Amino acid sequence: MSMTGQAEPARLEHLQSGVRLSGLLPEPVTVLAVTQNGPDAVTVTFQGPGGELGQRLLYRA
């Protein structure tokens, strides 16, 4: 998972509303909300390119 336009992987600390991410779906998505679930996990709510909504629980690698 990486922020669109960035070569390095995205860090959980940098995820926030409005950020564009690659790697959650085949196409980039827009982050709508991020909820912290402890020091090493977040729940990301996002909108895909077709307007579909999704949610993923992401863990620190």
PDB file of N, CA and C in Angstrom:
ATOM      1  N   MET A   1       0.847  -1.160   0.000  1.00  0.00           N
ATOM      2  CA  MET A   1       0.000   0.000   0.000  1.00  0.00           C
ATOM      3  C   MET A   1       0.897   1.228   0.000  1.00  0.00           C
ATOM      4  N   SER A   2       0.608   2.173  -0.860  1.00  0.00           N
ATOM      5  CA  SER A   2       1.379   3.415  -0.906  1.00  0.00           C
ATOM      6  C   SER A   2       0.456   4.575  -1.248  1.00  0.00           C
ATOM      7  N   MET A   3       0.902   5.765  -0.853  1.00  0.00           N
ATOM      8  CA  MET A   3       0.158   6.962  -1.225  1.00  0.00           C
ATOM      9  C   MET A   3       0.401   7.218  -2.702  1.00  0.00           C
ATOM     10  N   THR A   4      -0.620   7.596  -3.424  1.00  0.00           N
ATOM     11  CA  THR A   4      -0.500   7.849  -4.853  1.00  0.00           C
ATOM     12  C   THR A   4       0.564   8.912  -5.096  1.00  0.00           C
ATOM     13  N   GLY A   5       1.509   8.611  -5.992  1.00  0.00           N
ATOM     14  CA  GLY A   5       2.581   9.546  -6.305  1.00  0.00           C
ATOM     15  C   GLY A   5       3.815   9.376  -5.430  1.00  0.00           C
ATOM     16  N   GLN A   6       3.771   8.466  -4.462  1.00  0.00           N
ATOM     17  CA  GLN A   6       4.901   8.225  -3.565  1.00  0.00           C
ATOM     18  C   GLN A   6       5.485   6.852  -3.867  1.00  0.00           C
ATOM     19  N   ALA A   7       6.797   6.727  -3.818  1.00  0.00           N
ATOM     20  CA  ALA A   7       7.441   5.451  -4.084  1.00  0.00           C
ATOM     21  C   ALA A   7       7.475   4.568  -2.841  1.00  0.00           C
ATOM     22  N   GLU A   8       7.583   5.184  -1.660  1.00  0.00           N
ATOM     23  CA  GLU A   8       7.707   4.407  -0.429  1.00  0.00           C
ATOM     24  C   GLU A   8       6.338   3.985   0.100  1.00  0.00           C
ATOM     25  N   PRO A   9       6.301   2.899   0.880  1.00  0.00           N
ATOM     26  CA  PRO A   9       5.029   2.456   1.466  1.00  0.00           C
ATOM     27  C   PRO A   9       4.451   3.503   2.416  1.00  0.00           C
ATOM     28  N   ALA A  10       3.131   3.553   2.487  1.00  0.00           N
ATOM     29  CA  ALA A  10       2.461   4.483   3.406  1.00  0.00           C
ATOM     30  C   ALA A  10       2.648   4.000   4.841  1.00  0.00           C
ATOM     31  N   ARG A  11       2.801   4.933   5.765  1.00  0.00           N
ATOM     32  CA  ARG A  11       2.881   4.620   7.192  1.00  0.00           C
ATOM     33  C   ARG A  11       1.519   4.904   7.813  1.00  0.00           C
ATOM     34  N   LEU A  12       1.159   4.112   8.805  1.00  0.00           N
ATOM     35  CA  LEU A  12      -0.140   4.296   9.453  1.00  0.00           C
ATOM     36  C   LEU A  12      -0.314   5.714   9.969  1.00  0.00           C
ATOM     37  N   GLU A  13       0.760   6.314  10.468  1.00  0.00           N
ATOM     38  CA  GLU A  13       0.702   7.668  11.032  1.00  0.00           C
ATOM     39  C   GLU A  13       0.351   8.725   9.990  1.00  0.00           C
ATOM     40  N   HIS A  14       0.593   8.434   8.719  1.00  0.00           N
ATOM     41  CA  HIS A  14       0.372   9.415   7.657  1.00  0.00           C
ATOM     42  C   HIS A  14      -1.007   9.305   7.010  1.00  0.00           C
ATOM     43  N   LEU A  15      -1.767   8.292   7.395  1.00  0.00           N
ATOM     44  CA  LEU A  15      -3.094   8.118   6.801  1.00  0.00           C
ATOM     45  C   LEU A  15      -4.069   9.103   7.423  1.00  0.00           C
ATOM     46  N   GLN A  16      -4.776   9.829   6.563  1.00  0.00           N
ATOM     47  CA  GLN A  16      -5.773  10.800   7.026  1.00  0.00           C
ATOM     48  C   GLN A  16      -6.792  11.014   5.917  1.00  0.00           C
ATOM     49  N   SER A  17      -7.892  11.622   6.273  1.00  0.00           N
ATOM     50  CA  SER A  17      -8.956  11.902   5.323  1.00  0.00           C
ATOM     51  C   SER A  17      -8.415  12.706   4.144  1.00  0.00           C
ATOM     52  N   GLY A  18      -8.799  12.314   2.927  1.00  0.00           N
ATOM     53  CA  GLY A  18      -8.389  13.028   1.722  1.00  0.00           C
ATOM     54  C   GLY A  18      -7.179  12.446   1.023  1.00  0.00           C
ATOM     55  N   VAL A  19      -6.423  11.581   1.694  1.00  0.00           N
ATOM     56  CA  VAL A  19      -5.231  10.965   1.097  1.00  0.00           C
ATOM     57  C   VAL A  19      -5.665   9.957   0.036  1.00  0.00           C
ATOM     58  N   ARG A  20      -4.940   9.900  -1.083  1.00  0.00           N
ATOM     59  CA  ARG A  20      -5.184   8.905  -2.136  1.00  0.00           C
ATOM     60  C   ARG A  20      -4.203   7.754  -1.927  1.00  0.00           C
ATOM     61  N   LEU A  21      -4.735   6.520  -1.899  1.00  0.00           N
ATOM     62  CA  LEU A  21      -3.921   5.330  -1.660  1.00  0.00           C
ATOM     63  C   LEU A  21      -4.009   4.360  -2.818  1.00  0.00           C
ATOM     64  N   SER A  22      -2.900   3.687  -3.076  1.00  0.00           N
ATOM     65  CA  SER A  22      -2.859   2.575  -4.021  1.00  0.00           C
ATOM     66  C   SER A  22      -2.646   1.302  -3.218  1.00  0.00           C
ATOM     67  N   GLY A  23      -3.258   0.211  -3.653  1.00  0.00           N
ATOM     68  CA  GLY A  23      -3.007  -1.075  -3.032  1.00  0.00           C
ATOM     69  C   GLY A  23      -4.179  -1.678  -2.277  1.00  0.00           C
ATOM     70  N   LEU A  24      -5.218  -0.911  -2.006  1.00  0.00           N
ATOM     71  CA  LEU A  24      -6.397  -1.477  -1.343  1.00  0.00           C
ATOM     72  C   LEU A  24      -7.343  -2.101  -2.358  1.00  0.00           C
ATOM     73  N   LEU A  25      -7.453  -1.483  -3.514  1.00  0.00           N
ATOM     74  CA  LEU A  25      -8.221  -1.989  -4.656  1.00  0.00           C
ATOM     75  C   LEU A  25      -7.295  -1.934  -5.868  1.00  0.00           C
ATOM     76  N   PRO A  26      -7.689  -2.509  -6.992  1.00  0.00           N
ATOM     77  CA  PRO A  26      -6.839  -2.406  -8.179  1.00  0.00           C
ATOM     78  C   PRO A  26      -6.566  -0.962  -8.607  1.00  0.00           C
ATOM     79  N   GLU A  27      -7.516  -0.052  -8.337  1.00  0.00           N
ATOM     80  CA  GLU A  27      -7.334   1.362  -8.669  1.00  0.00           C
ATOM     81  C   GLU A  27      -7.131   2.146  -7.371  1.00  0.00           C
ATOM     82  N   PRO A  28      -6.525   3.344  -7.446  1.00  0.00           N
ATOM     83  CA  PRO A  28      -6.359   4.170  -6.240  1.00  0.00           C
ATOM     84  C   PRO A  28      -7.711   4.520  -5.612  1.00  0.00           C
ATOM     85  N   VAL A  29      -7.703   4.674  -4.283  1.00  0.00           N
ATOM     86  CA  VAL A  29      -8.905   5.039  -3.528  1.00  0.00           C
ATOM     87  C   VAL A  29      -8.633   6.318  -2.746  1.00  0.00           C
ATOM     88  N   THR A  30      -9.700   6.972  -2.289  1.00  0.00           N
ATOM     89  CA  THR A  30      -9.592   8.163  -1.458  1.00  0.00           C
ATOM     90  C   THR A  30     -10.014   7.806  -0.039  1.00  0.00           C
ATOM     91  N   VAL A  31      -9.152   8.111   0.935  1.00  0.00           N
ATOM     92  CA  VAL A  31      -9.448   7.833   2.340  1.00  0.00           C
ATOM     93  C   VAL A  31     -10.500   8.826   2.830  1.00  0.00           C
ATOM     94  N   LEU A  32     -11.552   8.304   3.460  1.00  0.00           N
ATOM     95  CA  LEU A  32     -12.607   9.138   4.029  1.00  0.00           C
ATOM     96  C   LEU A  32     -12.438   9.300   5.535  1.00  0.00           C
ATOM     97  N   ALA A  33     -11.979   8.236   6.212  1.00  0.00           N
ATOM     98  CA  ALA A  33     -11.813   8.283   7.667  1.00  0.00           C
ATOM     99  C   ALA A  33     -10.783   7.247   8.094  1.00  0.00           C
ATOM    100  N   VAL A  34     -10.091   7.540   9.188  1.00  0.00           N
ATOM    101  CA  VAL A  34      -9.118   6.626   9.778  1.00  0.00           C
ATOM    102  C   VAL A  34      -9.406   6.555  11.273  1.00  0.00           C
ATOM    103  N   THR A  35      -9.580   5.335  11.787  1.00  0.00           N
ATOM    104  CA  THR A  35      -9.818   5.122  13.209  1.00  0.00           C
ATOM    105  C   THR A  35      -8.674   4.298  13.775  1.00  0.00           C
ATOM    106  N   GLN A  36      -8.024   4.808  14.799  1.00  0.00           N
ATOM    107  CA  GLN A  36      -6.911   4.101  15.438  1.00  0.00           C
ATOM    108  C   GLN A  36      -7.450   2.925  16.245  1.00  0.00           C
ATOM    109  N   ASN A  37      -6.819   1.763  16.101  1.00  0.00           N
ATOM    110  CA  ASN A  37      -7.189   0.550  16.843  1.00  0.00           C
ATOM    111  C   ASN A  37      -5.975   0.042  17.606  1.00  0.00           C
ATOM    112  N   GLY A  38      -5.400   0.865  18.444  1.00  0.00           N
ATOM    113  CA  GLY A  38      -4.177   0.510  19.150  1.00  0.00           C
ATOM    114  C   GLY A  38      -2.977   1.062  18.414  1.00  0.00           C
ATOM    115  N   PRO A  39      -1.768   0.773  18.913  1.00  0.00           N
ATOM    116  CA  PRO A  39      -0.563   1.372  18.328  1.00  0.00           C
ATOM    117  C   PRO A  39      -0.174   0.813  16.959  1.00  0.00           C
ATOM    118  N   ASP A  40      -0.688  -0.364  16.610  1.00  0.00           N
ATOM    119  CA  ASP A  40      -0.237  -1.018  15.384  1.00  0.00           C
ATOM    120  C   ASP A  40      -1.341  -1.358  14.393  1.00  0.00           C
ATOM    121  N   ALA A  41      -2.513  -0.726  14.527  1.00  0.00           N
ATOM    122  CA  ALA A  41      -3.614  -1.036  13.608  1.00  0.00           C
ATOM    123  C   ALA A  41      -4.538   0.170  13.455  1.00  0.00           C
ATOM    124  N   VAL A  42      -5.097   0.310  12.247  1.00  0.00           N
ATOM    125  CA  VAL A  42      -6.098   1.345  11.972  1.00  0.00           C
ATOM    126  C   VAL A  42      -7.190   0.743  11.096  1.00  0.00           C
ATOM    127  N   THR A  43      -8.383   1.288  11.217  1.00  0.00           N
ATOM    128  CA  THR A  43      -9.465   0.970  10.291  1.00  0.00           C
ATOM    129  C   THR A  43      -9.571   2.134   9.319  1.00  0.00           C
ATOM    130  N   VAL A  44      -9.477   1.832   8.032  1.00  0.00           N
ATOM    131  CA  VAL A  44      -9.545   2.857   6.993  1.00  0.00           C
ATOM    132  C   VAL A  44     -10.866   2.705   6.239  1.00  0.00           C
ATOM    133  N   THR A  45     -11.640   3.776   6.198  1.00  0.00           N
ATOM    134  CA  THR A  45     -12.857   3.835   5.391  1.00  0.00           C
ATOM    135  C   THR A  45     -12.501   4.627   4.142  1.00  0.00           C
ATOM    136  N   PHE A  46     -12.828   4.084   2.974  1.00  0.00           N
ATOM    137  CA  PHE A  46     -12.396   4.716   1.729  1.00  0.00           C
ATOM    138  C   PHE A  46     -13.488   4.678   0.680  1.00  0.00           C
ATOM    139  N   GLN A  47     -13.286   5.485  -0.358  1.00  0.00           N
ATOM    140  CA  GLN A  47     -14.180   5.521  -1.519  1.00  0.00           C
ATOM    141  C   GLN A  47     -13.371   5.146  -2.745  1.00  0.00           C
ATOM    142  N   GLY A  48     -13.884   4.179  -3.496  1.00  0.00           N
ATOM    143  CA  GLY A  48     -13.224   3.745  -4.713  1.00  0.00           C
ATOM    144  C   GLY A  48     -13.524   4.675  -5.873  1.00  0.00           C
ATOM    145  N   PRO A  49     -12.891   4.444  -7.022  1.00  0.00           N
ATOM    146  CA  PRO A  49     -13.048   5.324  -8.176  1.00  0.00           C
ATOM    147  C   PRO A  49     -14.468   5.358  -8.736  1.00  0.00           C
ATOM    148  N   GLY A  50     -15.250   4.312  -8.500  1.00  0.00           N
ATOM    149  CA  GLY A  50     -16.627   4.285  -8.982  1.00  0.00           C
ATOM    150  C   GLY A  50     -17.631   4.764  -7.945  1.00  0.00           C
ATOM    151  N   GLY A  51     -17.126   5.286  -6.820  1.00  0.00           N
ATOM    152  CA  GLY A  51     -18.000   5.784  -5.766  1.00  0.00           C
ATOM    153  C   GLY A  51     -18.329   4.759  -4.697  1.00  0.00           C
ATOM    154  N   GLU A  52     -17.892   3.509  -4.889  1.00  0.00           N
ATOM    155  CA  GLU A  52     -18.185   2.471  -3.906  1.00  0.00           C
ATOM    156  C   GLU A  52     -17.400   2.728  -2.613  1.00  0.00           C
ATOM    157  N   LEU A  53     -18.011   2.377  -1.491  1.00  0.00           N
ATOM    158  CA  LEU A  53     -17.369   2.551  -0.194  1.00  0.00           C
ATOM    159  C   LEU A  53     -16.773   1.232   0.268  1.00  0.00           C
ATOM    160  N   GLY A  54     -15.684   1.316   1.014  1.00  0.00           N
ATOM    161  CA  GLY A  54     -15.044   0.128   1.559  1.00  0.00           C
ATOM    162  C   GLY A  54     -14.388   0.444   2.878  1.00  0.00           C
ATOM    163  N   GLN A  55     -14.046  -0.626   3.581  1.00  0.00           N
ATOM    164  CA  GLN A  55     -13.379  -0.465   4.869  1.00  0.00           C
ATOM    165  C   GLN A  55     -12.384  -1.607   5.025  1.00  0.00           C
ATOM    166  N   ARG A  56     -11.188  -1.296   5.527  1.00  0.00           N
ATOM    167  CA  ARG A  56     -10.160  -2.309   5.745  1.00  0.00           C
ATOM    168  C   ARG A  56      -9.490  -2.064   7.088  1.00  0.00           C
ATOM    169  N   LEU A  57      -9.160  -3.146   7.761  1.00  0.00           N
ATOM    170  CA  LEU A  57      -8.354  -3.085   8.967  1.00  0.00           C
ATOM    171  C   LEU A  57      -6.912  -3.303   8.534  1.00  0.00           C
ATOM    172  N   LEU A  58      -6.051  -2.325   8.791  1.00  0.00           N
ATOM    173  CA  LEU A  58      -4.652  -2.383   8.364  1.00  0.00           C
ATOM    174  C   LEU A  58      -3.745  -2.485   9.584  1.00  0.00           C
ATOM    175  N   TYR A  59      -2.726  -3.332   9.480  1.00  0.00           N
ATOM    176  CA  TYR A  59      -1.762  -3.528  10.558  1.00  0.00           C
ATOM    177  C   TYR A  59      -0.388  -3.051  10.121  1.00  0.00           C
ATOM    178  N   ARG A  60       0.390  -2.625  11.092  1.00  0.00           N
ATOM    179  CA  ARG A  60       1.773  -2.228  10.828  1.00  0.00           C
ATOM    180  C   ARG A  60       2.567  -3.468  10.428  1.00  0.00           C
ATOM    181  N   ALA A  61       3.390  -3.344   9.407  1.00  0.00           N
ATOM    182  CA  ALA A  61       4.207  -4.478   8.942  1.00  0.00           C
ATOM    183  C   ALA A  61       5.445  -4.636   9.799  1.00  0.00           C
TER     184      ALA A  61
END
